[in-house]
Protein backbone atom coordinates (compact mmCIF):
# COMPACT_ATOMS: atom_id res chain seq x y z
CA MET A 1 -8.57 12.30 -1.77
CA GLU A 2 -5.84 13.18 -4.31
CA VAL A 3 -3.11 10.65 -4.20
CA LYS A 4 0.27 12.25 -5.13
CA ASN A 5 2.55 9.08 -3.96
CA LEU A 6 2.59 5.72 -2.73
CA ASN A 7 2.21 7.08 1.02
CA ASP A 8 -0.94 8.81 0.10
CA PHE A 9 -2.22 5.77 -1.40
CA ALA A 10 -1.33 3.60 1.82
CA LYS A 11 -3.41 5.94 4.09
CA LEU A 12 -6.19 5.92 1.59
CA THR A 13 -6.08 2.14 1.60
CA LYS A 14 -6.22 2.09 5.45
CA ASN A 15 -8.96 4.63 5.60
CA LYS A 16 -11.08 2.86 3.21
CA ARG A 17 -10.41 -0.40 4.62
CA LYS A 18 -11.68 0.58 7.79
CA GLU A 19 -14.66 2.29 6.39
CA LEU A 20 -15.69 -0.87 4.83
CA ASN A 21 -15.07 -2.88 8.29
CA LEU A 22 -12.45 -4.98 6.82
CA THR A 23 -9.42 -6.16 8.91
CA GLN A 24 -6.16 -6.38 7.57
CA ASN A 25 -6.29 -10.08 7.54
CA GLU A 26 -9.58 -9.90 5.20
CA LEU A 27 -8.03 -7.43 2.86
CA ALA A 28 -4.99 -9.66 2.44
CA PHE A 29 -7.16 -12.78 1.89
CA ALA A 30 -9.13 -10.79 -0.74
CA ILE A 31 -6.16 -9.92 -2.68
CA ASN A 32 -4.52 -13.34 -2.20
CA SER A 33 -1.64 -11.66 -0.27
CA SER A 34 0.04 -11.71 3.17
CA VAL A 35 -1.35 -9.71 6.14
CA ARG A 36 2.39 -8.77 6.77
CA LEU A 37 2.38 -6.94 3.20
CA ILE A 38 -0.60 -5.03 4.08
CA VAL A 39 0.69 -4.03 7.58
CA GLU A 40 3.90 -2.88 6.40
CA PHE A 41 2.36 -1.17 3.37
CA GLU A 42 -0.26 0.85 5.34
CA ARG A 43 2.67 2.00 7.89
CA GLY A 44 4.58 3.06 4.99
CA LYS A 45 7.39 0.48 5.52
CA ARG A 46 7.09 -1.21 2.19
CA SER A 47 6.19 -0.38 -1.40
CA ILE A 48 3.79 -2.68 -3.66
CA LYS A 49 4.05 -4.01 -7.15
CA SER A 50 1.35 -2.29 -9.65
CA ASP A 51 -0.52 -5.43 -9.85
CA THR A 52 -1.11 -5.31 -6.08
CA LEU A 53 -2.16 -1.84 -6.26
CA PHE A 54 -4.74 -2.81 -8.69
CA LYS A 55 -6.01 -5.57 -6.58
CA ILE A 56 -6.28 -3.49 -3.71
CA CYS A 57 -8.23 -0.87 -5.44
CA ASN A 58 -10.65 -3.53 -6.81
CA ALA A 59 -11.00 -5.06 -3.32
CA LEU A 60 -11.67 -1.64 -1.73
CA ASN A 61 -13.84 -0.45 -4.74
CA LEU A 62 -11.27 2.45 -5.47
CA LYS A 63 -11.05 4.24 -8.78
CA VAL A 64 -7.65 5.13 -10.04
CA ASN A 65 -6.82 7.59 -12.76
CA ILE A 66 -3.29 7.47 -13.92
CA GLY A 67 -1.73 10.32 -15.69
């Protein structure tokens, strides 16, 4: 999936998390964050910092090309 903006990344995050059978709680724990952040981010109600984006990528084994 080509990610053009943060909303696309949120959709990708949700789809990949479900593909890996992870709950929002498990993902939040894996990146040392709150469940609320994951819930709001996946719904497009919240943006995230770049370090959180990279933690999510690492936890879900996603590769990111920036540029």
